[in-house]
Amino acid sequence: MATLNIYLTFNGNCREAFDFYKSVFGGEYLYIGNFGEMPPVEGKETSEKDNNKIMHVSLPISKETTLMGSDTREAVVPYFNAGNNFSISINAESKEEAEKLFNGLSAGGQVTMPMGDTFWGAYFGMFTDKFGINWMVNYDDPAKMQQHS
């Protein structure tokens, strides 16, 4: 069965926020990376201003729960809305489960990133459902994850 976690979005202060959360919860980051570390994607180049912003951070809270987050990029800032800057992240156990959950929950909503293979080795997609809730669906294929470690 899939697991659910909260994914927080910040307007440039993700590192500060997660350092604070880490000081309270303890533990170590599973991953923390900047936009400048991403491989280039034609038509979606990262601006100098965004290079040091957090692309993704993961902080385990318990065996079952991970707090995740990122900063917004310059092009997305006009859509940033503090107080509504979170998504529910689903980590599926199979590609088929990821597809089923993505297709079911996104019905009648707005797909912002169709399901597809990513540079970090996951099968991933994002959408806002018909009720205005932001979702991310992720499947970490063990075979692909070994290739990216």
N, C-alpha and C. Protein backbone atom coordinates (compact mmCIF):
# COMPACT_ATOMS: atom_id res chain seq x y z
N MET A 1 0.84 -1.18 0.00
CA MET A 1 0.00 0.00 0.00
C MET A 1 0.88 1.24 0.00
N ALA A 2 0.43 2.27 -0.63
CA ALA A 2 1.17 3.53 -0.74
C ALA A 2 1.29 4.22 0.61
N THR A 3 2.34 5.01 0.76
CA THR A 3 2.49 5.84 1.96
C THR A 3 2.29 7.30 1.58
N LEU A 4 1.82 8.11 2.54
CA LEU A 4 1.57 9.53 2.32
C LEU A 4 2.49 10.36 3.21
N ASN A 5 3.05 11.43 2.65
CA ASN A 5 3.88 12.37 3.39
C ASN A 5 3.52 13.78 2.96
N ILE A 6 3.91 14.75 3.75
CA ILE A 6 3.66 16.16 3.42
C ILE A 6 4.88 16.73 2.72
N TYR A 7 4.63 17.51 1.65
CA TYR A 7 5.69 18.17 0.88
C TYR A 7 5.44 19.67 0.97
N LEU A 8 6.37 20.39 1.59
CA LEU A 8 6.24 21.82 1.81
C LEU A 8 6.99 22.61 0.74
N THR A 9 6.43 23.75 0.34
CA THR A 9 7.07 24.61 -0.65
C THR A 9 7.34 25.97 -0.02
N PHE A 10 8.54 26.49 -0.25
CA PHE A 10 8.97 27.75 0.34
C PHE A 10 9.38 28.75 -0.73
N ASN A 11 9.39 30.00 -0.37
CA ASN A 11 9.75 31.08 -1.27
C ASN A 11 11.18 31.55 -0.99
N GLY A 12 12.14 30.61 -1.05
CA GLY A 12 13.54 30.96 -0.87
C GLY A 12 14.12 30.67 0.49
N ASN A 13 13.31 30.25 1.46
CA ASN A 13 13.84 29.99 2.80
C ASN A 13 13.67 28.54 3.24
N CYS A 14 13.68 27.62 2.27
CA CYS A 14 13.52 26.19 2.56
C CYS A 14 14.63 25.68 3.46
N ARG A 15 15.89 26.03 3.16
CA ARG A 15 17.01 25.54 3.97
C ARG A 15 16.86 26.01 5.42
N GLU A 16 16.52 27.27 5.62
CA GLU A 16 16.33 27.81 6.96
C GLU A 16 15.22 27.07 7.70
N ALA A 17 14.11 26.84 7.01
CA ALA A 17 12.97 26.15 7.62
C ALA A 17 13.35 24.71 7.99
N PHE A 18 14.00 24.00 7.08
CA PHE A 18 14.35 22.61 7.35
C PHE A 18 15.45 22.48 8.39
N ASP A 19 16.37 23.43 8.44
CA ASP A 19 17.36 23.41 9.53
C ASP A 19 16.65 23.58 10.88
N PHE A 20 15.61 24.42 10.90
CA PHE A 20 14.81 24.59 12.11
C PHE A 20 14.08 23.28 12.46
N TYR A 21 13.39 22.68 11.48
CA TYR A 21 12.66 21.43 11.73
C TYR A 21 13.62 20.34 12.21
N LYS A 22 14.81 20.28 11.60
CA LYS A 22 15.81 19.30 11.99
C LYS A 22 16.26 19.52 13.43
N SER A 23 16.36 20.79 13.85
CA SER A 23 16.76 21.08 15.23
C SER A 23 15.71 20.62 16.23
N VAL A 24 14.46 20.59 15.80
CA VAL A 24 13.38 20.16 16.69
C VAL A 24 13.20 18.64 16.64
N PHE A 25 13.10 18.06 15.44
CA PHE A 25 12.85 16.62 15.29
C PHE A 25 14.11 15.78 15.46
N GLY A 26 15.27 16.36 15.16
CA GLY A 26 16.52 15.60 15.15
C GLY A 26 16.66 14.85 13.85
N GLY A 27 17.64 13.95 13.81
CA GLY A 27 17.86 13.16 12.60
C GLY A 27 18.77 13.85 11.61
N GLU A 28 18.92 13.20 10.46
CA GLU A 28 19.76 13.70 9.38
C GLU A 28 18.97 13.72 8.08
N TYR A 29 19.33 14.62 7.18
CA TYR A 29 18.67 14.67 5.88
C TYR A 29 18.98 13.40 5.09
N LEU A 30 17.96 12.82 4.48
CA LEU A 30 18.18 11.72 3.53
C LEU A 30 18.80 12.28 2.26
N TYR A 31 18.35 13.49 1.89
CA TYR A 31 18.85 14.15 0.69
C TYR A 31 18.60 15.65 0.83
N ILE A 32 19.53 16.46 0.34
CA ILE A 32 19.32 17.88 0.19
C ILE A 32 20.11 18.33 -1.03
N GLY A 33 19.45 18.96 -1.99
CA GLY A 33 20.11 19.37 -3.23
C GLY A 33 19.55 20.68 -3.75
N ASN A 34 20.37 21.41 -4.48
CA ASN A 34 20.00 22.71 -5.04
C ASN A 34 19.58 22.59 -6.50
N PHE A 35 18.84 23.59 -6.99
CA PHE A 35 18.45 23.61 -8.40
C PHE A 35 19.68 23.64 -9.31
N GLY A 36 20.76 24.29 -8.89
CA GLY A 36 21.97 24.37 -9.69
C GLY A 36 22.63 23.03 -9.92
N GLU A 37 22.27 22.02 -9.14
CA GLU A 37 22.85 20.67 -9.28
C GLU A 37 22.07 19.80 -10.27
N MET A 38 20.92 20.30 -10.74
CA MET A 38 20.09 19.53 -11.67
C MET A 38 20.75 19.47 -13.04
N PRO A 39 20.56 18.36 -13.76
CA PRO A 39 21.04 18.34 -15.15
C PRO A 39 20.22 19.32 -15.98
N PRO A 40 20.83 19.95 -16.98
CA PRO A 40 20.10 20.94 -17.79
C PRO A 40 18.95 20.29 -18.56
N VAL A 41 17.83 21.02 -18.64
CA VAL A 41 16.67 20.60 -19.42
C VAL A 41 16.36 21.75 -20.37
N GLU A 42 16.38 21.47 -21.67
CA GLU A 42 16.17 22.50 -22.67
C GLU A 42 14.83 23.20 -22.46
N GLY A 43 14.88 24.53 -22.46
CA GLY A 43 13.68 25.33 -22.27
C GLY A 43 13.32 25.55 -20.81
N LYS A 44 14.03 24.89 -19.88
CA LYS A 44 13.74 25.03 -18.45
C LYS A 44 15.04 25.28 -17.70
N GLU A 45 15.88 26.15 -18.25
CA GLU A 45 17.16 26.45 -17.62
C GLU A 45 16.93 27.13 -16.27
N THR A 46 17.80 26.86 -15.32
CA THR A 46 17.72 27.46 -14.00
C THR A 46 18.43 28.81 -14.02
N SER A 47 17.77 29.83 -13.48
CA SER A 47 18.38 31.16 -13.43
C SER A 47 19.46 31.18 -12.35
N GLU A 48 20.39 32.11 -12.47
CA GLU A 48 21.45 32.27 -11.45
C GLU A 48 20.83 32.46 -10.07
N LYS A 49 19.74 33.21 -10.03
CA LYS A 49 19.06 33.50 -8.77
C LYS A 49 18.53 32.23 -8.09
N ASP A 50 18.18 31.23 -8.89
CA ASP A 50 17.61 29.98 -8.36
C ASP A 50 18.64 28.90 -8.07
N ASN A 51 19.86 29.03 -8.56
CA ASN A 51 20.86 27.96 -8.44
C ASN A 51 21.06 27.46 -7.02
N ASN A 52 21.06 28.35 -6.03
CA ASN A 52 21.31 27.94 -4.65
C ASN A 52 20.05 27.63 -3.86
N LYS A 53 18.89 27.78 -4.49
CA LYS A 53 17.64 27.43 -3.82
C LYS A 53 17.53 25.90 -3.74
N ILE A 54 16.79 25.43 -2.75
CA ILE A 54 16.64 23.98 -2.54
C ILE A 54 15.67 23.39 -3.57
N MET A 55 16.16 22.40 -4.33
CA MET A 55 15.32 21.67 -5.29
C MET A 55 14.53 20.59 -4.56
N HIS A 56 15.19 19.93 -3.58
CA HIS A 56 14.51 18.89 -2.80
C HIS A 56 15.29 18.62 -1.52
N VAL A 57 14.54 18.42 -0.44
CA VAL A 57 15.12 18.01 0.83
C VAL A 57 14.18 16.99 1.47
N SER A 58 14.75 15.97 2.11
CA SER A 58 13.97 14.94 2.81
C SER A 58 14.52 14.79 4.22
N LEU A 59 13.62 14.90 5.22
CA LEU A 59 14.00 14.73 6.61
C LEU A 59 13.10 13.67 7.25
N PRO A 60 13.64 12.49 7.57
CA PRO A 60 12.82 11.47 8.21
C PRO A 60 12.36 11.94 9.59
N ILE A 61 11.08 11.75 9.86
CA ILE A 61 10.51 12.13 11.16
C ILE A 61 10.29 10.87 12.00
N SER A 62 9.91 9.78 11.34
CA SER A 62 9.74 8.48 12.00
C SER A 62 10.00 7.41 10.94
N LYS A 63 9.81 6.13 11.30
CA LYS A 63 9.98 5.06 10.32
C LYS A 63 8.97 5.20 9.18
N GLU A 64 7.81 5.75 9.47
CA GLU A 64 6.74 5.84 8.48
C GLU A 64 6.63 7.20 7.80
N THR A 65 7.22 8.23 8.37
CA THR A 65 6.96 9.60 7.91
C THR A 65 8.25 10.33 7.55
N THR A 66 8.22 11.02 6.41
CA THR A 66 9.31 11.88 5.98
C THR A 66 8.74 13.24 5.63
N LEU A 67 9.33 14.29 6.17
CA LEU A 67 8.96 15.66 5.81
C LEU A 67 9.83 16.05 4.63
N MET A 68 9.21 16.52 3.55
CA MET A 68 9.94 16.88 2.34
C MET A 68 9.63 18.31 1.95
N GLY A 69 10.52 18.91 1.17
CA GLY A 69 10.27 20.27 0.74
C GLY A 69 11.18 20.75 -0.35
N SER A 70 10.89 21.97 -0.83
CA SER A 70 11.70 22.63 -1.84
C SER A 70 11.35 24.12 -1.84
N ASP A 71 12.19 24.90 -2.52
CA ASP A 71 11.90 26.30 -2.77
C ASP A 71 11.17 26.42 -4.10
N THR A 72 10.46 27.53 -4.29
CA THR A 72 9.88 27.83 -5.60
C THR A 72 10.98 28.41 -6.47
N ARG A 73 10.81 28.29 -7.76
CA ARG A 73 11.72 28.92 -8.70
C ARG A 73 11.18 30.28 -9.07
N GLU A 74 12.03 31.13 -9.58
CA GLU A 74 11.67 32.51 -9.91
C GLU A 74 10.40 32.58 -10.75
N ALA A 75 10.26 31.70 -11.74
CA ALA A 75 9.11 31.72 -12.63
C ALA A 75 7.81 31.34 -11.91
N VAL A 76 7.90 30.68 -10.77
CA VAL A 76 6.71 30.18 -10.07
C VAL A 76 6.30 31.11 -8.93
N VAL A 77 7.17 32.03 -8.52
CA VAL A 77 6.91 32.90 -7.37
C VAL A 77 5.55 33.59 -7.43
N PRO A 78 5.08 34.09 -8.59
CA PRO A 78 3.76 34.74 -8.60
C PRO A 78 2.62 33.82 -8.16
N TYR A 79 2.82 32.49 -8.25
CA TYR A 79 1.79 31.53 -7.87
C TYR A 79 1.95 31.03 -6.44
N PHE A 80 3.05 31.43 -5.80
CA PHE A 80 3.31 31.00 -4.42
C PHE A 80 2.29 31.64 -3.49
N ASN A 81 1.72 30.84 -2.59
CA ASN A 81 0.71 31.35 -1.68
C ASN A 81 1.00 30.77 -0.29
N ALA A 82 1.66 31.55 0.57
CA ALA A 82 1.97 31.08 1.93
C ALA A 82 0.68 30.66 2.63
N GLY A 83 0.75 29.53 3.31
CA GLY A 83 -0.43 28.99 3.99
C GLY A 83 -1.11 27.91 3.17
N ASN A 84 -0.86 27.91 1.86
CA ASN A 84 -1.41 26.88 0.98
C ASN A 84 -0.28 26.26 0.16
N ASN A 85 0.92 26.29 0.73
CA ASN A 85 2.13 25.89 0.01
C ASN A 85 2.59 24.49 0.40
N PHE A 86 1.70 23.53 0.22
CA PHE A 86 2.06 22.15 0.52
C PHE A 86 1.35 21.21 -0.45
N SER A 87 1.88 20.02 -0.55
CA SER A 87 1.29 18.96 -1.36
C SER A 87 1.28 17.69 -0.53
N ILE A 88 0.40 16.79 -0.89
CA ILE A 88 0.43 15.46 -0.31
C ILE A 88 1.24 14.60 -1.28
N SER A 89 2.27 13.98 -0.76
CA SER A 89 3.16 13.15 -1.58
C SER A 89 2.84 11.68 -1.34
N ILE A 90 2.54 10.97 -2.42
CA ILE A 90 2.24 9.54 -2.35
C ILE A 90 3.47 8.78 -2.86
N ASN A 91 3.95 7.84 -2.08
CA ASN A 91 5.02 6.96 -2.54
C ASN A 91 4.40 5.59 -2.79
N ALA A 92 4.23 5.25 -4.06
CA ALA A 92 3.57 4.00 -4.45
C ALA A 92 4.56 2.84 -4.39
N GLU A 93 4.00 1.62 -4.28
CA GLU A 93 4.83 0.42 -4.22
C GLU A 93 5.09 -0.20 -5.59
N SER A 94 4.42 0.31 -6.63
CA SER A 94 4.64 -0.20 -7.98
C SER A 94 4.29 0.90 -8.97
N LYS A 95 4.78 0.73 -10.20
CA LYS A 95 4.46 1.68 -11.26
C LYS A 95 2.96 1.65 -11.54
N GLU A 96 2.38 0.45 -11.50
CA GLU A 96 0.95 0.30 -11.76
C GLU A 96 0.12 1.01 -10.69
N GLU A 97 0.52 0.89 -9.42
CA GLU A 97 -0.19 1.58 -8.35
C GLU A 97 -0.05 3.09 -8.52
N ALA A 98 1.13 3.56 -8.91
CA ALA A 98 1.35 4.99 -9.14
C ALA A 98 0.41 5.50 -10.23
N GLU A 99 0.33 4.77 -11.33
CA GLU A 99 -0.57 5.14 -12.44
C GLU A 99 -2.03 5.20 -11.99
N LYS A 100 -2.45 4.16 -11.27
CA LYS A 100 -3.84 4.08 -10.80
C LYS A 100 -4.19 5.26 -9.90
N LEU A 101 -3.32 5.54 -8.93
CA LEU A 101 -3.57 6.64 -8.01
C LEU A 101 -3.53 7.99 -8.72
N PHE A 102 -2.54 8.18 -9.59
CA PHE A 102 -2.43 9.44 -10.34
C PHE A 102 -3.67 9.66 -11.19
N ASN A 103 -4.04 8.66 -11.99
CA ASN A 103 -5.19 8.81 -12.88
C ASN A 103 -6.49 8.99 -12.11
N GLY A 104 -6.67 8.25 -11.02
CA GLY A 104 -7.90 8.38 -10.24
C GLY A 104 -8.02 9.71 -9.55
N LEU A 105 -6.97 10.13 -8.85
CA LEU A 105 -7.04 11.38 -8.08
C LEU A 105 -7.01 12.63 -8.95
N SER A 106 -6.38 12.56 -10.13
CA SER A 106 -6.28 13.75 -10.99
C SER A 106 -7.51 13.95 -11.87
N ALA A 107 -8.43 12.97 -11.89
CA ALA A 107 -9.63 13.08 -12.73
C ALA A 107 -10.40 14.36 -12.37
N GLY A 108 -10.63 15.20 -13.37
CA GLY A 108 -11.35 16.45 -13.16
C GLY A 108 -10.48 17.56 -12.62
N GLY A 109 -9.20 17.28 -12.39
CA GLY A 109 -8.28 18.28 -11.86
C GLY A 109 -7.36 18.82 -12.93
N GLN A 110 -6.23 19.40 -12.51
CA GLN A 110 -5.26 20.01 -13.41
C GLN A 110 -3.91 19.32 -13.25
N VAL A 111 -3.47 18.60 -14.27
CA VAL A 111 -2.17 17.94 -14.24
C VAL A 111 -1.09 19.00 -14.50
N THR A 112 -0.12 19.09 -13.58
CA THR A 112 0.98 20.05 -13.74
C THR A 112 2.25 19.37 -14.25
N MET A 113 2.38 18.07 -14.01
CA MET A 113 3.50 17.28 -14.53
C MET A 113 3.01 15.86 -14.72
N PRO A 114 2.84 15.42 -15.97
CA PRO A 114 2.35 14.05 -16.20
C PRO A 114 3.33 13.02 -15.63
N MET A 115 2.83 11.84 -15.32
CA MET A 115 3.69 10.75 -14.85
C MET A 115 4.75 10.47 -15.90
N GLY A 116 5.98 10.32 -15.44
CA GLY A 116 7.08 10.03 -16.35
C GLY A 116 8.35 9.75 -15.58
N ASP A 117 9.34 9.21 -16.29
CA ASP A 117 10.63 8.94 -15.68
C ASP A 117 11.38 10.26 -15.45
N THR A 118 12.09 10.34 -14.33
CA THR A 118 12.81 11.56 -13.96
C THR A 118 14.31 11.33 -13.96
N PHE A 119 15.06 12.44 -13.91
CA PHE A 119 16.52 12.33 -13.88
C PHE A 119 17.01 11.72 -12.58
N TRP A 120 16.19 11.75 -11.52
CA TRP A 120 16.62 11.16 -10.24
C TRP A 120 16.24 9.68 -10.13
N GLY A 121 15.66 9.12 -11.19
CA GLY A 121 15.42 7.69 -11.24
C GLY A 121 14.02 7.25 -10.84
N ALA A 122 13.16 8.18 -10.50
CA ALA A 122 11.80 7.82 -10.08
C ALA A 122 10.82 7.97 -11.24
N TYR A 123 9.66 7.37 -11.09
CA TYR A 123 8.51 7.56 -11.96
C TYR A 123 7.62 8.51 -11.17
N PHE A 124 7.36 9.72 -11.69
CA PHE A 124 6.83 10.81 -10.87
C PHE A 124 5.88 11.68 -11.68
N GLY A 125 4.87 12.25 -10.98
CA GLY A 125 3.96 13.21 -11.58
C GLY A 125 3.31 14.07 -10.52
N MET A 126 2.75 15.23 -10.94
CA MET A 126 2.11 16.17 -10.01
C MET A 126 0.80 16.68 -10.62
N PHE A 127 -0.14 17.01 -9.74
CA PHE A 127 -1.41 17.58 -10.18
C PHE A 127 -2.10 18.26 -9.01
N THR A 128 -3.11 19.06 -9.35
CA THR A 128 -4.03 19.63 -8.37
C THR A 128 -5.37 18.97 -8.64
N ASP A 129 -5.96 18.38 -7.60
CA ASP A 129 -7.22 17.67 -7.82
C ASP A 129 -8.38 18.65 -7.98
N LYS A 130 -9.55 18.12 -8.28
CA LYS A 130 -10.71 18.98 -8.55
C LYS A 130 -11.18 19.76 -7.32
N PHE A 131 -10.59 19.46 -6.15
CA PHE A 131 -10.94 20.19 -4.94
C PHE A 131 -9.86 21.21 -4.56
N GLY A 132 -8.83 21.35 -5.41
CA GLY A 132 -7.77 22.32 -5.16
C GLY A 132 -6.62 21.81 -4.31
N ILE A 133 -6.55 20.50 -4.06
CA ILE A 133 -5.47 19.93 -3.26
C ILE A 133 -4.32 19.51 -4.19
N ASN A 134 -3.09 19.89 -3.83
CA ASN A 134 -1.91 19.55 -4.61
C ASN A 134 -1.40 18.17 -4.21
N TRP A 135 -1.07 17.36 -5.22
CA TRP A 135 -0.59 15.99 -5.00
C TRP A 135 0.68 15.75 -5.81
N MET A 136 1.52 14.86 -5.30
CA MET A 136 2.68 14.35 -6.01
C MET A 136 2.61 12.83 -5.90
N VAL A 137 2.86 12.13 -7.00
CA VAL A 137 2.86 10.67 -6.98
C VAL A 137 4.25 10.21 -7.42
N ASN A 138 4.83 9.31 -6.65
CA ASN A 138 6.20 8.87 -6.88
C ASN A 138 6.29 7.36 -6.75
N TYR A 139 7.04 6.76 -7.67
CA TYR A 139 7.41 5.35 -7.53
C TYR A 139 8.91 5.25 -7.74
N ASP A 140 9.62 4.75 -6.72
CA ASP A 140 11.05 4.53 -6.80
C ASP A 140 11.30 3.10 -7.23
N ASP A 141 11.57 2.89 -8.52
CA ASP A 141 11.87 1.56 -9.04
C ASP A 141 13.24 1.13 -8.50
N PRO A 142 13.28 0.05 -7.71
CA PRO A 142 14.56 -0.36 -7.11
C PRO A 142 15.68 -0.54 -8.14
N ALA A 143 15.36 -1.05 -9.32
CA ALA A 143 16.39 -1.25 -10.35
C ALA A 143 16.96 0.09 -10.81
N LYS A 144 16.09 1.08 -10.99
CA LYS A 144 16.56 2.41 -11.45
C LYS A 144 17.27 3.16 -10.33
N MET A 145 16.83 2.96 -9.10
CA MET A 145 17.44 3.66 -7.97
C MET A 145 18.89 3.21 -7.80
N GLN A 146 19.19 1.94 -8.05
CA GLN A 146 20.56 1.43 -7.94
C GLN A 146 21.45 2.08 -8.99
N GLN A 147 20.89 2.37 -10.17
CA GLN A 147 21.64 3.01 -11.24
C GLN A 147 22.00 4.44 -10.89
N HIS A 148 21.19 5.11 -10.03
CA HIS A 148 21.40 6.51 -9.69
C HIS A 148 22.10 6.70 -8.35
N SER A 149 22.56 5.61 -7.72
CA SER A 149 23.24 5.79 -6.44
C SER A 149 24.72 5.91 -6.62
